[in-house]
Amino acid sequence: MAVDWDGLVHGPVADAFGQAALYAPFAGGAPFTITGVFDEAYAEVQELADQPVASASPVLGVQLSQFPTPPDIKDQLTILASGTVYVVSVVEPDGHGWAKLFLNWVSG
């Protein structure tokens, strides 16, 4: 039996924790509104030369079904609540219809 990830998991998470953002694809096309789970200081720990190295960056978790084409690096988004603009630096899909968009601050 297939799991309805969008209906049972991603949709309820976005409804409970989501924030509106205006998404502008770098490749062109009209900007559109999405809902994503925003974390201004998402912490990630990696092992480098057997030493843990931590870094923090803004991240937006999104349902891929909101996008007419998959999100990509250089796309921009504006968190509507704050007016802060970010550019997408990394897209990490999870294989179940959700992706983490790692962001770099642009303005706001």
PDB file of N, CA and C in Angstrom:
ATOM      1  N   MET A   1       0.841  -1.185   0.000  1.00  0.00           N
ATOM      2  CA  MET A   1       0.000   0.000   0.000  1.00  0.00           C
ATOM      3  C   MET A   1       0.884   1.246   0.000  1.00  0.00           C
ATOM      4  N   ALA A   2       0.626   2.139  -0.924  1.00  0.00           N
ATOM      5  CA  ALA A   2       1.400   3.371  -1.031  1.00  0.00           C
ATOM      6  C   ALA A   2       0.943   4.381   0.022  1.00  0.00           C
ATOM      7  N   VAL A   3       1.891   5.118   0.534  1.00  0.00           N
ATOM      8  CA  VAL A   3       1.603   6.154   1.522  1.00  0.00           C
ATOM      9  C   VAL A   3       1.339   7.473   0.796  1.00  0.00           C
ATOM     10  N   ASP A   4       0.274   8.142   1.158  1.00  0.00           N
ATOM     11  CA  ASP A   4      -0.044   9.463   0.606  1.00  0.00           C
ATOM     12  C   ASP A   4       0.729  10.506   1.416  1.00  0.00           C
ATOM     13  N   TRP A   5       1.993  10.682   1.066  1.00  0.00           N
ATOM     14  CA  TRP A   5       2.866  11.578   1.817  1.00  0.00           C
ATOM     15  C   TRP A   5       2.338  13.001   1.826  1.00  0.00           C
ATOM     16  N   ASP A   6       1.867  13.493   0.686  1.00  0.00           N
ATOM     17  CA  ASP A   6       1.359  14.863   0.621  1.00  0.00           C
ATOM     18  C   ASP A   6       0.132  15.037   1.521  1.00  0.00           C
ATOM     19  N   GLY A   7      -0.788  14.104   1.441  1.00  0.00           N
ATOM     20  CA  GLY A   7      -2.032  14.226   2.194  1.00  0.00           C
ATOM     21  C   GLY A   7      -1.910  13.930   3.674  1.00  0.00           C
ATOM     22  N   LEU A   8      -1.084  12.945   4.024  1.00  0.00           N
ATOM     23  CA  LEU A   8      -0.996  12.516   5.413  1.00  0.00           C
ATOM     24  C   LEU A   8       0.142  13.149   6.209  1.00  0.00           C
ATOM     25  N   VAL A   9       1.190  13.580   5.541  1.00  0.00           N
ATOM     26  CA  VAL A   9       2.360  14.088   6.254  1.00  0.00           C
ATOM     27  C   VAL A   9       2.673  15.531   5.867  1.00  0.00           C
ATOM     28  N   HIS A  10       3.036  15.759   4.608  1.00  0.00           N
ATOM     29  CA  HIS A  10       3.515  17.075   4.193  1.00  0.00           C
ATOM     30  C   HIS A  10       2.452  18.169   4.321  1.00  0.00           C
ATOM     31  N   GLY A  11       1.249  17.885   3.903  1.00  0.00           N
ATOM     32  CA  GLY A  11       0.176  18.877   4.002  1.00  0.00           C
ATOM     33  C   GLY A  11      -0.095  19.297   5.440  1.00  0.00           C
ATOM     34  N   PRO A  12      -0.309  18.342   6.359  1.00  0.00           N
ATOM     35  CA  PRO A  12      -0.534  18.733   7.752  1.00  0.00           C
ATOM     36  C   PRO A  12       0.650  19.464   8.392  1.00  0.00           C
ATOM     37  N   VAL A  13       1.875  19.083   8.042  1.00  0.00           N
ATOM     38  CA  VAL A  13       3.045  19.793   8.579  1.00  0.00           C
ATOM     39  C   VAL A  13       3.056  21.235   8.081  1.00  0.00           C
ATOM     40  N   ALA A  14       2.833  21.428   6.793  1.00  0.00           N
ATOM     41  CA  ALA A  14       2.807  22.780   6.222  1.00  0.00           C
ATOM     42  C   ALA A  14       1.665  23.598   6.822  1.00  0.00           C
ATOM     43  N   ASP A  15       0.504  22.973   7.037  1.00  0.00           N
ATOM     44  CA  ASP A  15      -0.633  23.683   7.630  1.00  0.00           C
ATOM     45  C   ASP A  15      -0.314  24.127   9.061  1.00  0.00           C
ATOM     46  N   ALA A  16       0.349  23.272   9.815  1.00  0.00           N
ATOM     47  CA  ALA A  16       0.627  23.566  11.228  1.00  0.00           C
ATOM     48  C   ALA A  16       1.783  24.540  11.417  1.00  0.00           C
ATOM     49  N   PHE A  17       2.831  24.408  10.615  1.00  0.00           N
ATOM     50  CA  PHE A  17       4.059  25.161  10.864  1.00  0.00           C
ATOM     51  C   PHE A  17       4.460  26.090   9.717  1.00  0.00           C
ATOM     52  N   GLY A  18       3.710  26.089   8.638  1.00  0.00           N
ATOM     53  CA  GLY A  18       4.122  26.793   7.429  1.00  0.00           C
ATOM     54  C   GLY A  18       3.993  28.302   7.489  1.00  0.00           C
ATOM     55  N   GLN A  19       4.824  28.941   6.672  1.00  0.00           N
ATOM     56  CA  GLN A  19       4.782  30.380   6.457  1.00  0.00           C
ATOM     57  C   GLN A  19       4.684  30.624   4.954  1.00  0.00           C
ATOM     58  N   ALA A  20       4.004  31.685   4.585  1.00  0.00           N
ATOM     59  CA  ALA A  20       3.861  32.027   3.175  1.00  0.00           C
ATOM     60  C   ALA A  20       5.146  32.658   2.652  1.00  0.00           C
ATOM     61  N   ALA A  21       5.487  32.309   1.421  1.00  0.00           N
ATOM     62  CA  ALA A  21       6.663  32.877   0.754  1.00  0.00           C
ATOM     63  C   ALA A  21       6.325  33.101  -0.712  1.00  0.00           C
ATOM     64  N   LEU A  22       6.882  34.157  -1.271  1.00  0.00           N
ATOM     65  CA  LEU A  22       6.750  34.423  -2.700  1.00  0.00           C
ATOM     66  C   LEU A  22       7.972  33.820  -3.375  1.00  0.00           C
ATOM     67  N   TYR A  23       7.754  32.902  -4.314  1.00  0.00           N
ATOM     68  CA  TYR A  23       8.835  32.155  -4.951  1.00  0.00           C
ATOM     69  C   TYR A  23       9.018  32.638  -6.379  1.00  0.00           C
ATOM     70  N   ALA A  24      10.253  32.994  -6.744  1.00  0.00           N
ATOM     71  CA  ALA A  24      10.556  33.504  -8.081  1.00  0.00           C
ATOM     72  C   ALA A  24      11.625  32.626  -8.737  1.00  0.00           C
ATOM     73  N   PRO A  25      11.246  31.805  -9.714  1.00  0.00           N
ATOM     74  CA  PRO A  25      12.230  30.954 -10.391  1.00  0.00           C
ATOM     75  C   PRO A  25      13.268  31.781 -11.151  1.00  0.00           C
ATOM     76  N   PHE A  26      14.528  31.409 -11.031  1.00  0.00           N
ATOM     77  CA  PHE A  26      15.621  32.092 -11.723  1.00  0.00           C
ATOM     78  C   PHE A  26      15.486  31.950 -13.234  1.00  0.00           C
ATOM     79  N   ALA A  27      15.001  30.788 -13.687  1.00  0.00           N
ATOM     80  CA  ALA A  27      14.901  30.502 -15.118  1.00  0.00           C
ATOM     81  C   ALA A  27      13.769  31.270 -15.796  1.00  0.00           C
ATOM     82  N   GLY A  28      12.984  31.988 -15.030  1.00  0.00           N
ATOM     83  CA  GLY A  28      11.887  32.752 -15.602  1.00  0.00           C
ATOM     84  C   GLY A  28      10.544  32.210 -15.186  1.00  0.00           C
ATOM     85  N   GLY A  29       9.542  32.922 -15.573  1.00  0.00           N
ATOM     86  CA  GLY A  29       8.190  32.559 -15.164  1.00  0.00           C
ATOM     87  C   GLY A  29       7.726  33.478 -14.054  1.00  0.00           C
ATOM     88  N   ALA A  30       6.425  33.539 -13.892  1.00  0.00           N
ATOM     89  CA  ALA A  30       5.837  34.424 -12.898  1.00  0.00           C
ATOM     90  C   ALA A  30       6.091  33.900 -11.491  1.00  0.00           C
ATOM     91  N   PRO A  31       6.384  34.801 -10.560  1.00  0.00           N
ATOM     92  CA  PRO A  31       6.495  34.384  -9.152  1.00  0.00           C
ATOM     93  C   PRO A  31       5.153  33.831  -8.660  1.00  0.00           C
ATOM     94  N   PHE A  32       5.192  32.951  -7.683  1.00  0.00           N
ATOM     95  CA  PHE A  32       3.985  32.352  -7.127  1.00  0.00           C
ATOM     96  C   PHE A  32       4.174  32.163  -5.628  1.00  0.00           C
ATOM     97  N   THR A  33       3.063  32.054  -4.927  1.00  0.00           N
ATOM     98  CA  THR A  33       3.095  31.904  -3.474  1.00  0.00           C
ATOM     99  C   THR A  33       3.143  30.430  -3.099  1.00  0.00           C
ATOM    100  N   ILE A  34       4.010  30.115  -2.142  1.00  0.00           N
ATOM    101  CA  ILE A  34       4.113  28.764  -1.591  1.00  0.00           C
ATOM    102  C   ILE A  34       4.005  28.868  -0.075  1.00  0.00           C
ATOM    103  N   THR A  35       3.839  27.725   0.564  1.00  0.00           N
ATOM    104  CA  THR A  35       3.883  27.640   2.020  1.00  0.00           C
ATOM    105  C   THR A  35       5.009  26.688   2.372  1.00  0.00           C
ATOM    106  N   GLY A  36       5.884  27.121   3.287  1.00  0.00           N
ATOM    107  CA  GLY A  36       7.004  26.280   3.688  1.00  0.00           C
ATOM    108  C   GLY A  36       7.301  26.442   5.163  1.00  0.00           C
ATOM    109  N   VAL A  37       8.022  25.485   5.690  1.00  0.00           N
ATOM    110  CA  VAL A  37       8.429  25.525   7.089  1.00  0.00           C
ATOM    111  C   VAL A  37       9.804  26.176   7.134  1.00  0.00           C
ATOM    112  N   PHE A  38       9.845  27.404   7.651  1.00  0.00           N
ATOM    113  CA  PHE A  38      11.057  28.211   7.645  1.00  0.00           C
ATOM    114  C   PHE A  38      11.805  28.078   8.966  1.00  0.00           C
ATOM    115  N   ASP A  39      13.104  27.900   8.855  1.00  0.00           N
ATOM    116  CA  ASP A  39      13.992  27.876  10.023  1.00  0.00           C
ATOM    117  C   ASP A  39      15.153  28.801   9.714  1.00  0.00           C
ATOM    118  N   GLU A  40      15.244  29.895  10.457  1.00  0.00           N
ATOM    119  CA  GLU A  40      16.269  30.900  10.176  1.00  0.00           C
ATOM    120  C   GLU A  40      17.676  30.417  10.490  1.00  0.00           C
ATOM    121  N   ALA A  41      17.812  29.457  11.393  1.00  0.00           N
ATOM    122  CA  ALA A  41      19.148  28.981  11.789  1.00  0.00           C
ATOM    123  C   ALA A  41      19.146  27.462  11.909  1.00  0.00           C
ATOM    124  N   TYR A  42      18.897  26.786  10.793  1.00  0.00           N
ATOM    125  CA  TYR A  42      18.921  25.332  10.754  1.00  0.00           C
ATOM    126  C   TYR A  42      20.354  24.856  10.986  1.00  0.00           C
ATOM    127  N   ALA A  43      20.549  24.017  11.979  1.00  0.00           N
ATOM    128  CA  ALA A  43      21.902  23.541  12.315  1.00  0.00           C
ATOM    129  C   ALA A  43      22.149  22.179  11.695  1.00  0.00           C
ATOM    130  N   GLU A  44      23.313  22.043  11.117  1.00  0.00           N
ATOM    131  CA  GLU A  44      23.718  20.788  10.497  1.00  0.00           C
ATOM    132  C   GLU A  44      25.131  20.466  10.972  1.00  0.00           C
ATOM    133  N   VAL A  45      25.358  19.210  11.322  1.00  0.00           N
ATOM    134  CA  VAL A  45      26.676  18.788  11.791  1.00  0.00           C
ATOM    135  C   VAL A  45      27.239  17.780  10.806  1.00  0.00           C
ATOM    136  N   GLN A  46      28.485  18.007  10.384  1.00  0.00           N
ATOM    137  CA  GLN A  46      29.177  17.099   9.469  1.00  0.00           C
ATOM    138  C   GLN A  46      30.497  16.679  10.094  1.00  0.00           C
ATOM    139  N   GLU A  47      30.976  15.530   9.684  1.00  0.00           N
ATOM    140  CA  GLU A  47      32.290  15.056  10.115  1.00  0.00           C
ATOM    141  C   GLU A  47      33.325  15.449   9.070  1.00  0.00           C
ATOM    142  N   LEU A  48      34.314  16.214   9.477  1.00  0.00           N
ATOM    143  CA  LEU A  48      35.423  16.593   8.610  1.00  0.00           C
ATOM    144  C   LEU A  48      36.716  16.213   9.311  1.00  0.00           C
ATOM    145  N   ALA A  49      37.463  15.308   8.701  1.00  0.00           N
ATOM    146  CA  ALA A  49      38.724  14.834   9.285  1.00  0.00           C
ATOM    147  C   ALA A  49      38.497  14.341  10.711  1.00  0.00           C
ATOM    148  N   ASP A  50      37.438  13.552  10.888  1.00  0.00           N
ATOM    149  CA  ASP A  50      37.083  12.962  12.182  1.00  0.00           C
ATOM    150  C   ASP A  50      36.737  13.993  13.252  1.00  0.00           C
ATOM    151  N   GLN A  51      36.407  15.199  12.845  1.00  0.00           N
ATOM    152  CA  GLN A  51      35.991  16.249  13.779  1.00  0.00           C
ATOM    153  C   GLN A  51      34.604  16.730  13.378  1.00  0.00           C
ATOM    154  N   PRO A  52      33.690  16.825  14.334  1.00  0.00           N
ATOM    155  CA  PRO A  52      32.375  17.374  14.003  1.00  0.00           C
ATOM    156  C   PRO A  52      32.467  18.876  13.749  1.00  0.00           C
ATOM    157  N   VAL A  53      31.844  19.303  12.672  1.00  0.00           N
ATOM    158  CA  VAL A  53      31.813  20.715  12.315  1.00  0.00           C
ATOM    159  C   VAL A  53      30.352  21.102  12.155  1.00  0.00           C
ATOM    160  N   ALA A  54      29.922  22.110  12.895  1.00  0.00           N
ATOM    161  CA  ALA A  54      28.541  22.549  12.849  1.00  0.00           C
ATOM    162  C   ALA A  54      28.431  23.846  12.057  1.00  0.00           C
ATOM    163  N   SER A  55      27.358  23.974  11.320  1.00  0.00           N
ATOM    164  CA  SER A  55      27.073  25.219  10.622  1.00  0.00           C
ATOM    165  C   SER A  55      25.569  25.467  10.711  1.00  0.00           C
ATOM    166  N   ALA A  56      25.198  26.711  10.584  1.00  0.00           N
ATOM    167  CA  ALA A  56      23.784  27.073  10.624  1.00  0.00           C
ATOM    168  C   ALA A  56      23.469  27.947   9.419  1.00  0.00           C
ATOM    169  N   SER A  57      22.327  27.706   8.830  1.00  0.00           N
ATOM    170  CA  SER A  57      21.895  28.510   7.695  1.00  0.00           C
ATOM    171  C   SER A  57      20.375  28.515   7.653  1.00  0.00           C
ATOM    172  N   PRO A  58      19.786  29.516   6.992  1.00  0.00           N
ATOM    173  CA  PRO A  58      18.336  29.506   6.829  1.00  0.00           C
ATOM    174  C   PRO A  58      17.916  28.392   5.867  1.00  0.00           C
ATOM    175  N   VAL A  59      16.803  27.753   6.192  1.00  0.00           N
ATOM    176  CA  VAL A  59      16.280  26.639   5.390  1.00  0.00           C
ATOM    177  C   VAL A  59      14.767  26.766   5.305  1.00  0.00           C
ATOM    178  N   LEU A  60      14.222  26.421   4.148  1.00  0.00           N
ATOM    179  CA  LEU A  60      12.777  26.345   3.985  1.00  0.00           C
ATOM    180  C   LEU A  60      12.433  24.931   3.546  1.00  0.00           C
ATOM    181  N   GLY A  61      11.618  24.246   4.334  1.00  0.00           N
ATOM    182  CA  GLY A  61      11.109  22.928   3.960  1.00  0.00           C
ATOM    183  C   GLY A  61       9.829  23.100   3.170  1.00  0.00           C
ATOM    184  N   VAL A  62       9.725  22.438   2.019  1.00  0.00           N
ATOM    185  CA  VAL A  62       8.589  22.649   1.125  1.00  0.00           C
ATOM    186  C   VAL A  62       8.045  21.343   0.547  1.00  0.00           C
ATOM    187  N   GLN A  63       6.743  21.366   0.240  1.00  0.00           N
ATOM    188  CA  GLN A  63       6.107  20.298  -0.524  1.00  0.00           C
ATOM    189  C   GLN A  63       6.429  20.537  -1.986  1.00  0.00           C
ATOM    190  N   LEU A  64       7.022  19.573  -2.639  1.00  0.00           N
ATOM    191  CA  LEU A  64       7.377  19.745  -4.046  1.00  0.00           C
ATOM    192  C   LEU A  64       6.152  19.853  -4.950  1.00  0.00           C
ATOM    193  N   SER A  65       5.007  19.367  -4.483  1.00  0.00           N
ATOM    194  CA  SER A  65       3.788  19.448  -5.296  1.00  0.00           C
ATOM    195  C   SER A  65       3.303  20.886  -5.494  1.00  0.00           C
ATOM    196  N   GLN A  66       3.854  21.853  -4.754  1.00  0.00           N
ATOM    197  CA  GLN A  66       3.484  23.267  -4.917  1.00  0.00           C
ATOM    198  C   GLN A  66       4.170  23.918  -6.119  1.00  0.00           C
ATOM    199  N   PHE A  67       5.155  23.234  -6.698  1.00  0.00           N
ATOM    200  CA  PHE A  67       5.991  23.833  -7.735  1.00  0.00           C
ATOM    201  C   PHE A  67       5.616  23.311  -9.117  1.00  0.00           C
ATOM    202  N   PRO A  68       5.425  24.214 -10.095  1.00  0.00           N
ATOM    203  CA  PRO A  68       5.163  23.747 -11.462  1.00  0.00           C
ATOM    204  C   PRO A  68       6.390  23.074 -12.069  1.00  0.00           C
ATOM    205  N   THR A  69       7.571  23.524 -11.688  1.00  0.00           N
ATOM    206  CA  THR A  69       8.839  22.865 -12.038  1.00  0.00           C
ATOM    207  C   THR A  69       9.646  22.766 -10.747  1.00  0.00           C
ATOM    208  N   PRO A  70      10.525  21.786 -10.627  1.00  0.00           N
ATOM    209  CA  PRO A  70      11.249  21.620  -9.365  1.00  0.00           C
ATOM    210  C   PRO A  70      12.052  22.866  -8.980  1.00  0.00           C
ATOM    211  N   PRO A  71      12.124  23.164  -7.685  1.00  0.00           N
ATOM    212  CA  PRO A  71      12.956  24.282  -7.246  1.00  0.00           C
ATOM    213  C   PRO A  71      14.409  24.036  -7.619  1.00  0.00           C
ATOM    214  N   ASP A  72      15.158  25.125  -7.814  1.00  0.00           N
ATOM    215  CA  ASP A  72      16.534  24.997  -8.274  1.00  0.00           C
ATOM    216  C   ASP A  72      17.392  26.083  -7.628  1.00  0.00           C
ATOM    217  N   ILE A  73      18.695  25.876  -7.696  1.00  0.00           N
ATOM    218  CA  ILE A  73      19.605  26.893  -7.190  1.00  0.00           C
ATOM    219  C   ILE A  73      19.424  28.175  -7.996  1.00  0.00           C
ATOM    220  N   LYS A  74      19.680  29.292  -7.372  1.00  0.00           N
ATOM    221  CA  LYS A  74      19.539  30.648  -7.907  1.00  0.00           C
ATOM    222  C   LYS A  74      18.102  31.161  -7.907  1.00  0.00           C
ATOM    223  N   ASP A  75      17.117  30.289  -7.630  1.00  0.00           N
ATOM    224  CA  ASP A  75      15.757  30.782  -7.456  1.00  0.00           C
ATOM    225  C   ASP A  75      15.747  31.690  -6.224  1.00  0.00           C
ATOM    226  N   GLN A  76      14.827  32.649  -6.195  1.00  0.00           N
ATOM    227  CA  GLN A  76      14.722  33.531  -5.036  1.00  0.00           C
ATOM    228  C   GLN A  76      13.368  33.358  -4.374  1.00  0.00           C
ATOM    229  N   LEU A  77      13.340  33.629  -3.077  1.00  0.00           N
ATOM    230  CA  LEU A  77      12.076  33.627  -2.373  1.00  0.00           C
ATOM    231  C   LEU A  77      12.083  34.728  -1.328  1.00  0.00           C
ATOM    232  N   THR A  78      10.891  35.221  -1.055  1.00  0.00           N
ATOM    233  CA  THR A  78      10.698  36.244  -0.041  1.00  0.00           C
ATOM    234  C   THR A  78       9.767  35.687   1.021  1.00  0.00           C
ATOM    235  N   ILE A  79      10.216  35.677   2.271  1.00  0.00           N
ATOM    236  CA  ILE A  79       9.347  35.295   3.379  1.00  0.00           C
ATOM    237  C   ILE A  79       8.396  36.473   3.588  1.00  0.00           C
ATOM    238  N   LEU A  80       7.124  36.263   3.355  1.00  0.00           N
ATOM    239  CA  LEU A  80       6.178  37.375   3.326  1.00  0.00           C
ATOM    240  C   LEU A  80       6.008  38.043   4.690  1.00  0.00           C
ATOM    241  N   ALA A  81       6.085  37.299   5.774  1.00  0.00           N
ATOM    242  CA  ALA A  81       5.903  37.889   7.105  1.00  0.00           C
ATOM    243  C   ALA A  81       6.981  38.909   7.447  1.00  0.00           C
ATOM    244  N   SER A  82       8.205  38.681   6.959  1.00  0.00           N
ATOM    245  CA  SER A  82       9.322  39.571   7.305  1.00  0.00           C
ATOM    246  C   SER A  82       9.795  40.432   6.137  1.00  0.00           C
ATOM    247  N   GLY A  83       9.473  40.022   4.908  1.00  0.00           N
ATOM    248  CA  GLY A  83       9.972  40.723   3.730  1.00  0.00           C
ATOM    249  C   GLY A  83      11.418  40.385   3.396  1.00  0.00           C
ATOM    250  N   THR A  84      11.990  39.410   4.084  1.00  0.00           N
ATOM    251  CA  THR A  84      13.374  39.025   3.850  1.00  0.00           C
ATOM    252  C   THR A  84      13.485  38.188   2.582  1.00  0.00           C
ATOM    253  N   VAL A  85      14.468  38.524   1.752  1.00  0.00           N
ATOM    254  CA  VAL A  85      14.678  37.855   0.474  1.00  0.00           C
ATOM    255  C   VAL A  85      15.885  36.931   0.585  1.00  0.00           C
ATOM    256  N   TYR A  86      15.740  35.724   0.057  1.00  0.00           N
ATOM    257  CA  TYR A  86      16.802  34.721   0.056  1.00  0.00           C
ATOM    258  C   TYR A  86      16.967  34.160  -1.352  1.00  0.00           C
ATOM    259  N   VAL A  87      18.145  33.633  -1.627  1.00  0.00           N
ATOM    260  CA  VAL A  87      18.386  32.894  -2.859  1.00  0.00           C
ATOM    261  C   VAL A  87      18.647  31.438  -2.460  1.00  0.00           C
ATOM    262  N   VAL A  88      18.145  30.507  -3.267  1.00  0.00           N
ATOM    263  CA  VAL A  88      18.326  29.080  -2.997  1.00  0.00           C
ATOM    264  C   VAL A  88      19.750  28.680  -3.372  1.00  0.00           C
ATOM    265  N   SER A  89      20.467  28.074  -2.425  1.00  0.00           N
ATOM    266  CA  SER A  89      21.842  27.639  -2.688  1.00  0.00           C
ATOM    267  C   SER A  89      21.952  26.130  -2.866  1.00  0.00           C
ATOM    268  N   VAL A  90      21.057  25.374  -2.224  1.00  0.00           N
ATOM    269  CA  VAL A  90      21.067  23.909  -2.317  1.00  0.00           C
ATOM    270  C   VAL A  90      19.628  23.425  -2.225  1.00  0.00           C
ATOM    271  N   VAL A  91      19.281  22.428  -3.032  1.00  0.00           N
ATOM    272  CA  VAL A  91      17.972  21.779  -2.963  1.00  0.00           C
ATOM    273  C   VAL A  91      18.212  20.315  -2.591  1.00  0.00           C
ATOM    274  N   GLU A  92      17.616  19.886  -1.468  1.00  0.00           N
ATOM    275  CA  GLU A  92      17.761  18.495  -1.015  1.00  0.00           C
ATOM    276  C   GLU A  92      16.394  17.828  -0.932  1.00  0.00           C
ATOM    277  N   PRO A  93      15.948  17.150  -2.016  1.00  0.00           N
ATOM    278  CA  PRO A  93      14.689  16.406  -1.945  1.00  0.00           C
ATOM    279  C   PRO A  93      14.854  15.180  -1.051  1.00  0.00           C
ATOM    280  N   ASP A  94      13.753  14.788  -0.387  1.00  0.00           N
ATOM    281  CA  ASP A  94      13.835  13.638   0.513  1.00  0.00           C
ATOM    282  C   ASP A  94      13.351  12.338  -0.117  1.00  0.00           C
ATOM    283  N   GLY A  95      12.899  12.381  -1.358  1.00  0.00           N
ATOM    284  CA  GLY A  95      12.420  11.173  -2.029  1.00  0.00           C
ATOM    285  C   GLY A  95      10.958  10.858  -1.764  1.00  0.00           C
ATOM    286  N   HIS A  96      10.291  11.683  -0.938  1.00  0.00           N
ATOM    287  CA  HIS A  96       8.880  11.467  -0.618  1.00  0.00           C
ATOM    288  C   HIS A  96       8.025  12.693  -0.913  1.00  0.00           C
ATOM    289  N   GLY A  97       8.553  13.618  -1.724  1.00  0.00           N
ATOM    290  CA  GLY A  97       7.769  14.779  -2.104  1.00  0.00           C
ATOM    291  C   GLY A  97       8.018  16.028  -1.273  1.00  0.00           C
ATOM    292  N   TRP A  98       9.052  16.010  -0.453  1.00  0.00           N
ATOM    293  CA  TRP A  98       9.423  17.153   0.388  1.00  0.00           C
ATOM    294  C   TRP A  98      10.871  17.495   0.066  1.00  0.00           C
ATOM    295  N   ALA A  99      11.252  18.752   0.222  1.00  0.00           N
ATOM    296  CA  ALA A  99      12.653  19.133   0.009  1.00  0.00           C
ATOM    297  C   ALA A  99      13.042  20.214   1.008  1.00  0.00           C
ATOM    298  N   LYS A 100      14.310  20.214   1.358  1.00  0.00           N
ATOM    299  CA  LYS A 100      14.895  21.306   2.130  1.00  0.00           C
ATOM    300  C   LYS A 100      15.588  22.224   1.141  1.00  0.00           C
ATOM    301  N   LEU A 101      15.240  23.501   1.196  1.00  0.00           N
ATOM    302  CA  LEU A 101      15.897  24.507   0.378  1.00  0.00           C
ATOM    303  C   LEU A 101      16.838  25.283   1.289  1.00  0.00           C
ATOM    304  N   PHE A 102      18.142  25.101   1.101  1.00  0.00           N
ATOM    305  CA  PHE A 102      19.124  25.854   1.866  1.00  0.00           C
ATOM    306  C   PHE A 102      19.252  27.224   1.216  1.00  0.00           C
ATOM    307  N   LEU A 103      19.268  28.267   2.036  1.00  0.00           N
ATOM    308  CA  LEU A 103      19.132  29.626   1.546  1.00  0.00           C
ATOM    309  C   LEU A 103      20.328  30.494   1.929  1.00  0.00           C
ATOM    310  N   ASN A 104      20.569  31.500   1.101  1.00  0.00           N
ATOM    311  CA  ASN A 104      21.507  32.560   1.410  1.00  0.00           C
ATOM    312  C   ASN A 104      20.738  33.873   1.441  1.00  0.00           C
ATOM    313  N   TRP A 105      21.026  34.688   2.431  1.00  0.00           N
ATOM    314  CA  TRP A 105      20.361  35.982   2.607  1.00  0.00           C
ATOM    315  C   TRP A 105      20.711  36.914   1.459  1.00  0.00           C
ATOM    316  N   VAL A 106      19.711  37.649   0.962  1.00  0.00           N
ATOM    317  CA  VAL A 106      19.927  38.652  -0.081  1.00  0.00           C
ATOM    318  C   VAL A 106      19.654  40.049   0.469  1.00  0.00           C
ATOM    319  N   SER A 107      18.473  40.235   1.068  1.00  0.00           N
ATOM    320  CA  SER A 107      18.126  41.545   1.611  1.00  0.00           C
ATOM    321  C   SER A 107      16.953  41.418   2.568  1.00  0.00           C
ATOM    322  N   GLY A 108      16.731  42.506   3.313  1.00  0.00           N
ATOM    323  CA  GLY A 108      15.562  42.564   4.184  1.00  0.00           C
ATOM    324  C   GLY A 108      15.838  42.416   5.628  1.00  0.00           C
TER     325      GLY A 108
END
